[in-house]
Amino acid sequence: MFCLARIYELLLQGSTLLGISQFGTIGFCFGGHVVYLAATLPDVRVTASFYGGGIATTTPGGGAPTITRTKEIHGTIWCFFGTRDPLIPNEQTDQIEQELQKQGIDHQVFRYDADHGFF
């Protein structure tokens, strides 16, 4: 089962060892979804989400879609999507961008003429 609290615990353990207090996250595909969710953690300051599928429709482990937690994002988030991605319809990309704007989150949404997994 997916557990955001466990991810946060591991980040804090790593920060103690490395002497850091803020984090950046990057993820691709399912990882792109996970880092969008991880951007809600208080110490995550910058996030790059590459073709994070399901952000607008699901959440790992069940519950309300991850997009409903957008207001909890603390730092900057950049999202990268392919306009020909069969896994993430353009309407979902539009929903994500609109929610980021609505919540006043520092963000950029990049769209490329590409399929899924273009990097």
N, C-alpha and C. Protein backbone atom coordinates (compact mmCIF):
# COMPACT_ATOMS: atom_id res chain seq x y z
N MET A 1 0.83 -1.19 0.00
CA MET A 1 0.00 0.00 0.00
C MET A 1 0.87 1.25 0.00
N PHE A 2 0.48 2.22 -0.80
CA PHE A 2 1.20 3.48 -0.90
C PHE A 2 1.03 4.28 0.38
N CYS A 3 2.11 4.85 0.89
CA CYS A 3 2.01 5.60 2.13
C CYS A 3 2.88 6.85 2.05
N LEU A 4 2.24 8.00 1.91
CA LEU A 4 2.97 9.27 1.83
C LEU A 4 3.75 9.53 3.11
N ALA A 5 3.21 9.13 4.24
CA ALA A 5 3.90 9.33 5.51
C ALA A 5 5.24 8.60 5.53
N ARG A 6 5.30 7.43 4.92
CA ARG A 6 6.56 6.67 4.87
C ARG A 6 7.58 7.37 3.99
N ILE A 7 7.14 7.92 2.88
CA ILE A 7 8.05 8.68 2.02
C ILE A 7 8.62 9.86 2.80
N TYR A 8 7.75 10.56 3.52
CA TYR A 8 8.19 11.71 4.30
C TYR A 8 9.19 11.28 5.38
N GLU A 9 8.92 10.17 6.03
CA GLU A 9 9.83 9.65 7.06
C GLU A 9 11.21 9.39 6.46
N LEU A 10 11.25 8.77 5.27
CA LEU A 10 12.53 8.50 4.62
C LEU A 10 13.25 9.79 4.22
N LEU A 11 12.49 10.78 3.74
CA LEU A 11 13.10 12.07 3.41
C LEU A 11 13.73 12.70 4.64
N LEU A 12 13.04 12.65 5.76
CA LEU A 12 13.57 13.24 6.98
C LEU A 12 14.80 12.50 7.48
N GLN A 13 14.80 11.18 7.36
CA GLN A 13 15.98 10.40 7.74
C GLN A 13 17.18 10.80 6.89
N GLY A 14 16.94 10.90 5.58
CA GLY A 14 18.01 11.31 4.68
C GLY A 14 18.50 12.71 4.96
N SER A 15 17.60 13.61 5.31
CA SER A 15 17.99 14.99 5.58
C SER A 15 18.88 15.08 6.81
N THR A 16 18.62 14.25 7.80
CA THR A 16 19.45 14.24 9.00
C THR A 16 20.85 13.79 8.65
N LEU A 17 20.95 12.74 7.85
CA LEU A 17 22.27 12.23 7.46
C LEU A 17 23.04 13.22 6.60
N LEU A 18 22.32 13.94 5.73
CA LEU A 18 22.98 14.84 4.79
C LEU A 18 23.04 16.29 5.26
N GLY A 19 22.33 16.60 6.32
CA GLY A 19 22.33 17.97 6.84
C GLY A 19 21.56 18.94 5.97
N ILE A 20 20.46 18.49 5.37
CA ILE A 20 19.64 19.37 4.55
C ILE A 20 18.24 19.48 5.14
N SER A 21 17.53 20.54 4.78
CA SER A 21 16.20 20.74 5.36
C SER A 21 15.10 20.93 4.32
N GLN A 22 15.47 21.05 3.06
CA GLN A 22 14.49 21.21 2.00
C GLN A 22 14.83 20.26 0.87
N PHE A 23 13.78 19.86 0.11
CA PHE A 23 13.97 18.84 -0.90
C PHE A 23 13.38 19.27 -2.23
N GLY A 24 13.90 18.67 -3.28
CA GLY A 24 13.29 18.71 -4.60
C GLY A 24 12.95 17.29 -4.98
N THR A 25 11.89 17.13 -5.77
CA THR A 25 11.50 15.78 -6.19
C THR A 25 11.30 15.77 -7.70
N ILE A 26 11.56 14.60 -8.28
CA ILE A 26 11.36 14.41 -9.71
C ILE A 26 10.82 12.99 -9.91
N GLY A 27 9.85 12.86 -10.82
CA GLY A 27 9.31 11.54 -11.08
C GLY A 27 8.75 11.44 -12.48
N PHE A 28 8.77 10.21 -13.00
CA PHE A 28 8.31 9.91 -14.35
C PHE A 28 7.20 8.87 -14.29
N CYS A 29 6.12 9.08 -15.06
CA CYS A 29 4.99 8.16 -15.15
C CYS A 29 4.35 8.01 -13.77
N PHE A 30 4.27 6.81 -13.20
CA PHE A 30 3.70 6.68 -11.86
C PHE A 30 4.47 7.56 -10.88
N GLY A 31 5.77 7.63 -11.06
CA GLY A 31 6.59 8.50 -10.21
C GLY A 31 6.22 9.97 -10.36
N GLY A 32 5.79 10.36 -11.57
CA GLY A 32 5.32 11.72 -11.79
C GLY A 32 4.08 12.02 -10.98
N HIS A 33 3.23 11.03 -10.83
CA HIS A 33 2.04 11.16 -9.98
C HIS A 33 2.46 11.25 -8.51
N VAL A 34 3.36 10.36 -8.10
CA VAL A 34 3.80 10.32 -6.71
C VAL A 34 4.46 11.64 -6.29
N VAL A 35 5.28 12.23 -7.16
CA VAL A 35 5.93 13.48 -6.76
C VAL A 35 4.94 14.64 -6.71
N TYR A 36 3.88 14.61 -7.53
CA TYR A 36 2.82 15.62 -7.42
C TYR A 36 2.22 15.53 -6.03
N LEU A 37 1.99 14.34 -5.57
CA LEU A 37 1.46 14.12 -4.23
C LEU A 37 2.50 14.51 -3.16
N ALA A 38 3.75 14.13 -3.39
CA ALA A 38 4.82 14.46 -2.44
C ALA A 38 5.04 15.97 -2.33
N ALA A 39 4.66 16.71 -3.36
CA ALA A 39 4.80 18.18 -3.32
C ALA A 39 3.96 18.80 -2.20
N THR A 40 3.02 18.02 -1.64
CA THR A 40 2.21 18.52 -0.53
C THR A 40 2.95 18.43 0.81
N LEU A 41 4.08 17.76 0.83
CA LEU A 41 4.86 17.66 2.07
C LEU A 41 5.54 19.00 2.36
N PRO A 42 5.61 19.38 3.63
CA PRO A 42 6.08 20.74 3.96
C PRO A 42 7.51 21.07 3.56
N ASP A 43 8.41 20.10 3.47
CA ASP A 43 9.80 20.39 3.16
C ASP A 43 10.14 20.27 1.68
N VAL A 44 9.19 19.87 0.86
CA VAL A 44 9.42 19.76 -0.58
C VAL A 44 9.21 21.14 -1.20
N ARG A 45 10.26 21.70 -1.76
CA ARG A 45 10.22 23.07 -2.28
C ARG A 45 10.11 23.16 -3.79
N VAL A 46 10.53 22.12 -4.50
CA VAL A 46 10.45 22.14 -5.97
C VAL A 46 10.19 20.72 -6.47
N THR A 47 9.31 20.62 -7.45
CA THR A 47 8.91 19.32 -7.98
C THR A 47 8.87 19.38 -9.50
N ALA A 48 9.35 18.30 -10.13
CA ALA A 48 9.21 18.12 -11.57
C ALA A 48 8.47 16.82 -11.79
N SER A 49 7.26 16.93 -12.35
CA SER A 49 6.40 15.78 -12.60
C SER A 49 6.32 15.55 -14.10
N PHE A 50 6.90 14.42 -14.55
CA PHE A 50 6.89 14.09 -15.97
C PHE A 50 5.81 13.06 -16.24
N TYR A 51 4.85 13.43 -17.07
CA TYR A 51 3.72 12.62 -17.51
C TYR A 51 3.17 11.75 -16.39
N GLY A 52 2.78 12.45 -15.30
CA GLY A 52 2.18 11.79 -14.15
C GLY A 52 0.75 11.39 -14.44
N GLY A 53 0.53 10.13 -14.70
CA GLY A 53 -0.80 9.65 -15.05
C GLY A 53 -1.72 9.54 -13.84
N GLY A 54 -2.98 9.84 -14.05
CA GLY A 54 -4.00 9.64 -13.03
C GLY A 54 -4.14 10.73 -11.99
N ILE A 55 -3.36 11.80 -12.08
CA ILE A 55 -3.42 12.87 -11.08
C ILE A 55 -4.83 13.42 -10.95
N ALA A 56 -5.51 13.57 -12.07
CA ALA A 56 -6.85 14.16 -12.07
C ALA A 56 -7.95 13.15 -11.73
N THR A 57 -7.62 11.86 -11.72
CA THR A 57 -8.69 10.86 -11.59
C THR A 57 -8.52 9.87 -10.44
N THR A 58 -7.32 9.68 -9.93
CA THR A 58 -7.07 8.67 -8.90
C THR A 58 -6.06 9.18 -7.88
N THR A 59 -5.83 8.36 -6.87
CA THR A 59 -4.71 8.58 -5.96
C THR A 59 -4.16 7.21 -5.57
N PRO A 60 -2.85 7.08 -5.41
CA PRO A 60 -2.29 5.79 -5.01
C PRO A 60 -2.89 5.36 -3.67
N GLY A 61 -3.34 4.13 -3.59
CA GLY A 61 -3.92 3.62 -2.37
C GLY A 61 -5.40 3.89 -2.21
N GLY A 62 -5.99 4.66 -3.13
CA GLY A 62 -7.42 4.94 -3.08
C GLY A 62 -7.73 6.28 -2.44
N GLY A 63 -8.97 6.66 -2.55
CA GLY A 63 -9.40 7.94 -2.00
C GLY A 63 -9.65 8.95 -3.09
N ALA A 64 -9.83 10.20 -2.66
CA ALA A 64 -10.09 11.29 -3.61
C ALA A 64 -8.91 11.45 -4.54
N PRO A 65 -9.16 11.86 -5.80
CA PRO A 65 -8.05 12.06 -6.74
C PRO A 65 -6.99 13.02 -6.19
N THR A 66 -5.76 12.77 -6.53
CA THR A 66 -4.63 13.58 -6.07
C THR A 66 -4.83 15.06 -6.36
N ILE A 67 -5.49 15.38 -7.47
CA ILE A 67 -5.70 16.79 -7.83
C ILE A 67 -6.42 17.56 -6.71
N THR A 68 -7.20 16.87 -5.88
CA THR A 68 -7.93 17.55 -4.80
C THR A 68 -6.99 18.03 -3.70
N ARG A 69 -5.75 17.59 -3.72
CA ARG A 69 -4.76 18.02 -2.73
C ARG A 69 -3.85 19.12 -3.25
N THR A 70 -4.14 19.62 -4.43
CA THR A 70 -3.30 20.65 -5.05
C THR A 70 -3.10 21.85 -4.13
N LYS A 71 -4.11 22.25 -3.42
CA LYS A 71 -4.01 23.42 -2.54
C LYS A 71 -2.96 23.24 -1.45
N GLU A 72 -2.54 21.99 -1.20
CA GLU A 72 -1.55 21.70 -0.16
C GLU A 72 -0.10 21.79 -0.67
N ILE A 73 0.09 22.03 -1.96
CA ILE A 73 1.45 22.12 -2.51
C ILE A 73 2.11 23.38 -1.96
N HIS A 74 3.33 23.21 -1.43
CA HIS A 74 4.03 24.30 -0.75
C HIS A 74 5.02 25.05 -1.63
N GLY A 75 5.60 24.37 -2.58
CA GLY A 75 6.66 24.99 -3.38
C GLY A 75 6.26 25.14 -4.83
N THR A 76 7.27 25.12 -5.67
CA THR A 76 7.09 25.24 -7.12
C THR A 76 6.94 23.85 -7.73
N ILE A 77 6.05 23.74 -8.70
CA ILE A 77 5.89 22.48 -9.42
C ILE A 77 5.87 22.74 -10.92
N TRP A 78 6.64 21.95 -11.63
CA TRP A 78 6.63 21.97 -13.09
C TRP A 78 6.12 20.62 -13.54
N CYS A 79 5.15 20.64 -14.45
CA CYS A 79 4.53 19.41 -14.97
C CYS A 79 4.77 19.33 -16.48
N PHE A 80 5.16 18.16 -16.94
CA PHE A 80 5.49 17.93 -18.34
C PHE A 80 4.58 16.85 -18.90
N PHE A 81 3.90 17.15 -20.02
CA PHE A 81 2.95 16.22 -20.61
C PHE A 81 3.14 16.16 -22.12
N GLY A 82 2.79 15.03 -22.70
CA GLY A 82 2.74 14.87 -24.15
C GLY A 82 1.30 15.02 -24.63
N THR A 83 1.10 15.81 -25.65
CA THR A 83 -0.26 16.06 -26.15
C THR A 83 -0.85 14.84 -26.86
N ARG A 84 -0.01 13.87 -27.21
CA ARG A 84 -0.48 12.64 -27.85
C ARG A 84 -0.39 11.44 -26.92
N ASP A 85 -0.30 11.70 -25.63
CA ASP A 85 -0.19 10.64 -24.64
C ASP A 85 -1.53 9.93 -24.48
N PRO A 86 -1.61 8.64 -24.84
CA PRO A 86 -2.89 7.94 -24.73
C PRO A 86 -3.29 7.66 -23.28
N LEU A 87 -2.37 7.79 -22.34
CA LEU A 87 -2.66 7.52 -20.93
C LEU A 87 -3.13 8.75 -20.16
N ILE A 88 -2.84 9.93 -20.70
CA ILE A 88 -3.22 11.17 -20.03
C ILE A 88 -3.89 12.08 -21.05
N PRO A 89 -5.21 12.04 -21.12
CA PRO A 89 -5.92 12.90 -22.08
C PRO A 89 -5.63 14.38 -21.83
N ASN A 90 -5.63 15.16 -22.90
CA ASN A 90 -5.36 16.59 -22.78
C ASN A 90 -6.33 17.27 -21.81
N GLU A 91 -7.54 16.74 -21.70
CA GLU A 91 -8.52 17.32 -20.76
C GLU A 91 -8.01 17.20 -19.32
N GLN A 92 -7.31 16.12 -19.01
CA GLN A 92 -6.76 15.96 -17.66
C GLN A 92 -5.61 16.93 -17.43
N THR A 93 -4.78 17.11 -18.44
CA THR A 93 -3.71 18.11 -18.34
C THR A 93 -4.31 19.49 -18.10
N ASP A 94 -5.36 19.82 -18.83
CA ASP A 94 -6.04 21.10 -18.64
C ASP A 94 -6.59 21.23 -17.22
N GLN A 95 -7.18 20.15 -16.69
CA GLN A 95 -7.71 20.16 -15.32
C GLN A 95 -6.61 20.45 -14.31
N ILE A 96 -5.47 19.81 -14.49
CA ILE A 96 -4.34 20.00 -13.57
C ILE A 96 -3.88 21.45 -13.62
N GLU A 97 -3.70 21.97 -14.83
CA GLU A 97 -3.24 23.35 -14.95
C GLU A 97 -4.25 24.32 -14.34
N GLN A 98 -5.52 24.10 -14.59
CA GLN A 98 -6.56 24.98 -14.03
C GLN A 98 -6.57 24.93 -12.51
N GLU A 99 -6.39 23.76 -11.95
CA GLU A 99 -6.39 23.64 -10.48
C GLU A 99 -5.15 24.31 -9.88
N LEU A 100 -4.01 24.16 -10.52
CA LEU A 100 -2.80 24.85 -10.04
C LEU A 100 -3.00 26.36 -10.08
N GLN A 101 -3.61 26.87 -11.15
CA GLN A 101 -3.89 28.30 -11.25
C GLN A 101 -4.89 28.74 -10.18
N LYS A 102 -5.96 27.99 -10.04
CA LYS A 102 -7.01 28.31 -9.08
C LYS A 102 -6.46 28.40 -7.66
N GLN A 103 -5.54 27.52 -7.33
CA GLN A 103 -4.99 27.47 -5.97
C GLN A 103 -3.80 28.42 -5.78
N GLY A 104 -3.40 29.10 -6.85
CA GLY A 104 -2.29 30.07 -6.74
C GLY A 104 -0.94 29.41 -6.50
N ILE A 105 -0.77 28.21 -7.02
CA ILE A 105 0.50 27.48 -6.87
C ILE A 105 1.50 27.98 -7.90
N ASP A 106 2.74 28.19 -7.48
CA ASP A 106 3.82 28.56 -8.41
C ASP A 106 4.07 27.34 -9.29
N HIS A 107 3.78 27.48 -10.58
CA HIS A 107 3.84 26.31 -11.45
C HIS A 107 4.12 26.69 -12.90
N GLN A 108 4.46 25.67 -13.65
CA GLN A 108 4.53 25.72 -15.11
C GLN A 108 4.01 24.37 -15.61
N VAL A 109 3.22 24.40 -16.66
CA VAL A 109 2.78 23.18 -17.31
C VAL A 109 3.30 23.23 -18.73
N PHE A 110 4.11 22.25 -19.07
CA PHE A 110 4.72 22.17 -20.40
C PHE A 110 4.04 21.06 -21.18
N ARG A 111 3.68 21.37 -22.40
CA ARG A 111 3.05 20.39 -23.29
C ARG A 111 3.94 20.20 -24.52
N TYR A 112 4.20 18.94 -24.83
CA TYR A 112 5.03 18.60 -25.98
C TYR A 112 4.23 17.76 -26.96
N ASP A 113 4.52 17.91 -28.23
CA ASP A 113 3.88 17.09 -29.27
C ASP A 113 4.54 15.71 -29.20
N ALA A 114 4.09 14.92 -28.23
CA ALA A 114 4.74 13.64 -27.96
C ALA A 114 3.76 12.67 -27.31
N ASP A 115 4.15 11.39 -27.35
CA ASP A 115 3.40 10.34 -26.67
C ASP A 115 3.85 10.27 -25.21
N HIS A 116 3.44 9.21 -24.54
CA HIS A 116 3.84 8.97 -23.16
C HIS A 116 5.32 8.53 -23.13
N GLY A 117 6.01 8.92 -22.10
CA GLY A 117 7.40 8.47 -21.94
C GLY A 117 8.35 9.09 -22.94
N PHE A 118 8.18 10.36 -23.26
CA PHE A 118 8.99 10.98 -24.32
C PHE A 118 10.40 11.33 -23.89
N PHE A 119 10.71 11.28 -22.63
CA PHE A 119 12.10 11.52 -22.19
C PHE A 119 12.83 10.23 -22.07
